[in-house]
Amino acid sequence: MAEKISNSEVQKIAQLARLELTDAEVDQYAKELSAILGYIGQLSEVDTKNTAITSQVTGLSNVMREDTVDACDNPEELVALAPEHKDGLIKVKAVFDA
């Protein structure tokens, strides 16, 4: 049987998380967290000695393509498509205020 989470522990966790809880919520979360810890306690009793270590079970793997740069035949044409441009450069709004 897992240890019961007290209301004061729930209040401390809520304070650390900057949460404001009502007394009813504190009671509810104390029960729910205690139940969760009880379930974790049950899982820790399962014998996994002969279970293979795995990070995923689907057999899928990431497929990546080579990152390449495609040359642009006419960069001036691309700049001309921008809403605002000047002297061959694209004008954008400032990211940081000076």
N, C-alpha and C. Protein backbone atom coordinates (compact mmCIF):
# COMPACT_ATOMS: atom_id res chain seq x y z
N MET A 1 0.86 -1.19 0.00
CA MET A 1 0.00 0.00 0.00
C MET A 1 0.89 1.24 0.00
N ALA A 2 0.61 2.15 -0.87
CA ALA A 2 1.40 3.37 -0.98
C ALA A 2 1.07 4.33 0.15
N GLU A 3 2.03 5.16 0.44
CA GLU A 3 1.85 6.17 1.48
C GLU A 3 0.84 7.21 1.01
N LYS A 4 -0.02 7.62 1.90
CA LYS A 4 -1.04 8.62 1.56
C LYS A 4 -0.40 10.00 1.50
N ILE A 5 -0.76 10.76 0.49
CA ILE A 5 -0.29 12.14 0.36
C ILE A 5 -1.17 13.02 1.25
N SER A 6 -0.54 13.80 2.09
CA SER A 6 -1.31 14.66 3.00
C SER A 6 -1.73 15.95 2.31
N ASN A 7 -2.72 16.60 2.90
CA ASN A 7 -3.18 17.88 2.36
C ASN A 7 -2.06 18.93 2.41
N SER A 8 -1.25 18.89 3.44
CA SER A 8 -0.17 19.87 3.54
C SER A 8 0.87 19.64 2.44
N GLU A 9 1.09 18.38 2.05
CA GLU A 9 2.01 18.11 0.94
C GLU A 9 1.44 18.62 -0.38
N VAL A 10 0.14 18.45 -0.57
CA VAL A 10 -0.51 18.97 -1.78
C VAL A 10 -0.42 20.49 -1.81
N GLN A 11 -0.64 21.12 -0.67
CA GLN A 11 -0.55 22.58 -0.61
C GLN A 11 0.87 23.05 -0.91
N LYS A 12 1.87 22.32 -0.43
CA LYS A 12 3.27 22.68 -0.70
C LYS A 12 3.58 22.56 -2.20
N ILE A 13 3.11 21.46 -2.81
CA ILE A 13 3.32 21.26 -4.25
C ILE A 13 2.61 22.37 -5.04
N ALA A 14 1.39 22.70 -4.63
CA ALA A 14 0.64 23.77 -5.30
C ALA A 14 1.36 25.10 -5.17
N GLN A 15 1.93 25.36 -4.01
CA GLN A 15 2.67 26.61 -3.80
C GLN A 15 3.89 26.65 -4.72
N LEU A 16 4.61 25.54 -4.82
CA LEU A 16 5.80 25.50 -5.68
C LEU A 16 5.42 25.68 -7.15
N ALA A 17 4.23 25.19 -7.53
CA ALA A 17 3.75 25.32 -8.91
C ALA A 17 2.99 26.62 -9.13
N ARG A 18 2.91 27.43 -8.09
CA ARG A 18 2.18 28.71 -8.16
C ARG A 18 0.72 28.51 -8.53
N LEU A 19 0.09 27.49 -7.90
CA LEU A 19 -1.32 27.21 -8.13
C LEU A 19 -2.12 27.58 -6.89
N GLU A 20 -3.26 28.18 -7.10
CA GLU A 20 -4.16 28.47 -5.99
C GLU A 20 -5.25 27.40 -6.00
N LEU A 21 -5.33 26.63 -4.90
CA LEU A 21 -6.30 25.55 -4.82
C LEU A 21 -7.27 25.82 -3.69
N THR A 22 -8.51 25.44 -3.91
CA THR A 22 -9.51 25.51 -2.84
C THR A 22 -9.29 24.31 -1.92
N ASP A 23 -9.91 24.34 -0.74
CA ASP A 23 -9.79 23.22 0.19
C ASP A 23 -10.34 21.94 -0.44
N ALA A 24 -11.41 22.06 -1.21
CA ALA A 24 -11.99 20.88 -1.87
C ALA A 24 -11.01 20.31 -2.90
N GLU A 25 -10.32 21.20 -3.63
CA GLU A 25 -9.34 20.72 -4.62
C GLU A 25 -8.16 20.06 -3.94
N VAL A 26 -7.73 20.61 -2.80
CA VAL A 26 -6.62 20.00 -2.05
C VAL A 26 -7.00 18.59 -1.63
N ASP A 27 -8.21 18.41 -1.10
CA ASP A 27 -8.68 17.08 -0.71
C ASP A 27 -8.72 16.13 -1.91
N GLN A 28 -9.27 16.63 -3.01
CA GLN A 28 -9.39 15.81 -4.22
C GLN A 28 -8.01 15.38 -4.73
N TYR A 29 -7.09 16.33 -4.82
CA TYR A 29 -5.76 16.01 -5.35
C TYR A 29 -4.98 15.10 -4.41
N ALA A 30 -5.19 15.24 -3.11
CA ALA A 30 -4.53 14.35 -2.16
C ALA A 30 -4.97 12.91 -2.41
N LYS A 31 -6.27 12.70 -2.62
CA LYS A 31 -6.78 11.35 -2.91
C LYS A 31 -6.25 10.84 -4.25
N GLU A 32 -6.30 11.70 -5.27
CA GLU A 32 -5.89 11.27 -6.60
C GLU A 32 -4.39 10.96 -6.66
N LEU A 33 -3.58 11.81 -6.03
CA LEU A 33 -2.13 11.56 -6.03
C LEU A 33 -1.79 10.31 -5.24
N SER A 34 -2.51 10.07 -4.15
CA SER A 34 -2.29 8.85 -3.37
C SER A 34 -2.62 7.62 -4.21
N ALA A 35 -3.71 7.69 -4.98
CA ALA A 35 -4.09 6.58 -5.85
C ALA A 35 -3.04 6.34 -6.94
N ILE A 36 -2.52 7.42 -7.50
CA ILE A 36 -1.48 7.29 -8.52
C ILE A 36 -0.24 6.63 -7.94
N LEU A 37 0.17 7.07 -6.76
CA LEU A 37 1.35 6.46 -6.13
C LEU A 37 1.08 5.00 -5.78
N GLY A 38 -0.15 4.68 -5.43
CA GLY A 38 -0.50 3.29 -5.17
C GLY A 38 -0.34 2.44 -6.43
N TYR A 39 -0.77 2.97 -7.55
CA TYR A 39 -0.63 2.26 -8.82
C TYR A 39 0.84 2.09 -9.18
N ILE A 40 1.63 3.13 -8.97
CA ILE A 40 3.08 3.03 -9.23
C ILE A 40 3.69 1.97 -8.33
N GLY A 41 3.21 1.90 -7.09
CA GLY A 41 3.69 0.86 -6.18
C GLY A 41 3.39 -0.54 -6.72
N GLN A 42 2.21 -0.71 -7.31
CA GLN A 42 1.86 -1.99 -7.91
C GLN A 42 2.80 -2.31 -9.08
N LEU A 43 3.09 -1.32 -9.90
CA LEU A 43 3.97 -1.54 -11.04
C LEU A 43 5.38 -1.92 -10.59
N SER A 44 5.84 -1.35 -9.49
CA SER A 44 7.19 -1.65 -9.02
C SER A 44 7.31 -3.08 -8.51
N GLU A 45 6.18 -3.74 -8.24
CA GLU A 45 6.20 -5.12 -7.77
C GLU A 45 6.28 -6.13 -8.92
N VAL A 46 6.10 -5.68 -10.17
CA VAL A 46 6.12 -6.57 -11.32
C VAL A 46 7.55 -7.04 -11.58
N ASP A 47 7.71 -8.33 -11.81
CA ASP A 47 9.03 -8.91 -12.10
C ASP A 47 9.38 -8.63 -13.56
N THR A 48 10.40 -7.80 -13.77
CA THR A 48 10.83 -7.46 -15.13
C THR A 48 12.24 -7.97 -15.40
N LYS A 49 12.68 -8.93 -14.59
CA LYS A 49 14.05 -9.43 -14.71
C LYS A 49 14.35 -9.98 -16.10
N ASN A 50 13.41 -10.67 -16.73
CA ASN A 50 13.63 -11.29 -18.04
C ASN A 50 13.03 -10.48 -19.19
N THR A 51 12.77 -9.21 -18.95
CA THR A 51 12.19 -8.34 -19.98
C THR A 51 13.31 -7.56 -20.66
N ALA A 52 13.29 -7.60 -21.99
CA ALA A 52 14.33 -6.89 -22.75
C ALA A 52 14.13 -5.38 -22.62
N ILE A 53 15.24 -4.67 -22.52
CA ILE A 53 15.21 -3.22 -22.46
C ILE A 53 14.88 -2.68 -23.84
N THR A 54 13.95 -1.75 -23.91
CA THR A 54 13.58 -1.16 -25.19
C THR A 54 13.20 0.30 -25.01
N SER A 55 13.45 1.11 -26.02
CA SER A 55 13.05 2.51 -25.96
C SER A 55 11.79 2.76 -26.76
N GLN A 56 11.46 1.84 -27.67
CA GLN A 56 10.21 1.92 -28.44
C GLN A 56 9.92 0.54 -28.98
N VAL A 57 8.65 0.31 -29.30
CA VAL A 57 8.24 -1.05 -29.67
C VAL A 57 7.66 -1.17 -31.08
N THR A 58 7.62 -0.10 -31.83
CA THR A 58 6.98 -0.14 -33.14
C THR A 58 7.90 -0.65 -34.24
N GLY A 59 9.20 -0.59 -34.02
CA GLY A 59 10.14 -0.98 -35.07
C GLY A 59 10.40 0.12 -36.08
N LEU A 60 9.78 1.27 -35.88
CA LEU A 60 9.98 2.39 -36.80
C LEU A 60 11.28 3.11 -36.48
N SER A 61 11.87 3.72 -37.48
CA SER A 61 13.05 4.54 -37.25
C SER A 61 12.91 5.82 -38.06
N ASN A 62 13.63 6.84 -37.66
CA ASN A 62 13.57 8.11 -38.38
C ASN A 62 14.23 7.96 -39.75
N VAL A 63 13.59 8.53 -40.74
CA VAL A 63 14.15 8.54 -42.08
C VAL A 63 14.50 9.98 -42.39
N MET A 64 15.76 10.21 -42.62
CA MET A 64 16.22 11.58 -42.85
C MET A 64 16.77 11.69 -44.27
N ARG A 65 16.59 12.83 -44.85
CA ARG A 65 17.18 13.08 -46.17
C ARG A 65 18.38 14.00 -45.99
N GLU A 66 19.23 13.98 -46.94
CA GLU A 66 20.40 14.86 -46.92
C GLU A 66 19.94 16.31 -47.00
N ASP A 67 20.47 17.17 -46.16
CA ASP A 67 20.13 18.58 -46.18
C ASP A 67 21.00 19.27 -47.22
N THR A 68 20.38 19.72 -48.28
CA THR A 68 21.14 20.34 -49.37
C THR A 68 20.61 21.74 -49.66
N VAL A 69 21.46 22.54 -50.24
CA VAL A 69 21.09 23.89 -50.65
C VAL A 69 20.93 23.87 -52.16
N ASP A 70 19.76 24.28 -52.63
CA ASP A 70 19.52 24.36 -54.07
C ASP A 70 19.86 25.77 -54.54
N ALA A 71 20.68 25.83 -55.55
CA ALA A 71 21.08 27.14 -56.08
C ALA A 71 19.89 27.81 -56.75
N CYS A 72 19.82 29.11 -56.58
CA CYS A 72 18.74 29.88 -57.18
C CYS A 72 19.27 30.50 -58.48
N ASP A 73 18.55 30.27 -59.57
CA ASP A 73 18.99 30.78 -60.86
C ASP A 73 18.86 32.29 -60.95
N ASN A 74 17.86 32.86 -60.27
CA ASN A 74 17.61 34.28 -60.40
C ASN A 74 17.20 34.87 -59.04
N PRO A 75 18.17 35.15 -58.15
CA PRO A 75 17.82 35.67 -56.82
C PRO A 75 17.13 37.03 -56.88
N GLU A 76 17.42 37.82 -57.89
CA GLU A 76 16.77 39.13 -58.00
C GLU A 76 15.26 38.97 -58.18
N GLU A 77 14.86 37.93 -58.90
CA GLU A 77 13.45 37.68 -59.13
C GLU A 77 12.76 37.31 -57.80
N LEU A 78 13.45 36.55 -56.97
CA LEU A 78 12.89 36.19 -55.66
C LEU A 78 12.74 37.42 -54.77
N VAL A 79 13.75 38.28 -54.76
CA VAL A 79 13.69 39.50 -53.96
C VAL A 79 12.54 40.38 -54.45
N ALA A 80 12.34 40.44 -55.74
CA ALA A 80 11.28 41.27 -56.32
C ALA A 80 9.90 40.78 -55.89
N LEU A 81 9.75 39.50 -55.51
CA LEU A 81 8.47 38.96 -55.06
C LEU A 81 8.11 39.40 -53.64
N ALA A 82 9.10 39.87 -52.88
CA ALA A 82 8.85 40.29 -51.50
C ALA A 82 8.00 41.56 -51.50
N PRO A 83 7.12 41.71 -50.49
CA PRO A 83 6.27 42.90 -50.43
C PRO A 83 7.07 44.19 -50.37
N GLU A 84 8.18 44.17 -49.65
CA GLU A 84 9.04 45.36 -49.58
C GLU A 84 10.48 44.94 -49.82
N HIS A 85 11.15 45.68 -50.69
CA HIS A 85 12.56 45.39 -50.96
C HIS A 85 13.24 46.68 -51.39
N LYS A 86 14.55 46.70 -51.22
CA LYS A 86 15.33 47.88 -51.59
C LYS A 86 16.78 47.45 -51.82
N ASP A 87 17.36 47.90 -52.89
CA ASP A 87 18.76 47.63 -53.24
C ASP A 87 19.08 46.14 -53.21
N GLY A 88 18.16 45.31 -53.69
CA GLY A 88 18.41 43.87 -53.78
C GLY A 88 18.24 43.13 -52.47
N LEU A 89 17.71 43.80 -51.43
CA LEU A 89 17.51 43.17 -50.13
C LEU A 89 16.03 43.22 -49.76
N ILE A 90 15.59 42.23 -49.01
CA ILE A 90 14.21 42.19 -48.55
C ILE A 90 14.11 42.98 -47.25
N LYS A 91 13.15 43.91 -47.21
CA LYS A 91 12.93 44.71 -46.00
C LYS A 91 11.94 43.97 -45.10
N VAL A 92 12.30 43.85 -43.82
CA VAL A 92 11.42 43.20 -42.84
C VAL A 92 11.30 44.10 -41.62
N LYS A 93 10.28 43.84 -40.81
CA LYS A 93 10.10 44.61 -39.59
C LYS A 93 11.21 44.28 -38.61
N ALA A 94 11.56 45.24 -37.77
CA ALA A 94 12.60 45.04 -36.78
C ALA A 94 12.18 43.96 -35.79
N VAL A 95 13.13 43.10 -35.43
CA VAL A 95 12.86 42.06 -34.46
C VAL A 95 12.97 42.64 -33.05
N PHE A 96 13.97 43.46 -32.84
CA PHE A 96 14.20 44.09 -31.54
C PHE A 96 14.05 45.59 -31.70
N ASP A 97 13.43 46.21 -30.72
CA ASP A 97 13.34 47.67 -30.74
C ASP A 97 14.66 48.24 -30.28
N ALA A 98 15.15 49.20 -31.01
CA ALA A 98 16.44 49.81 -30.65
C ALA A 98 16.25 50.86 -29.60
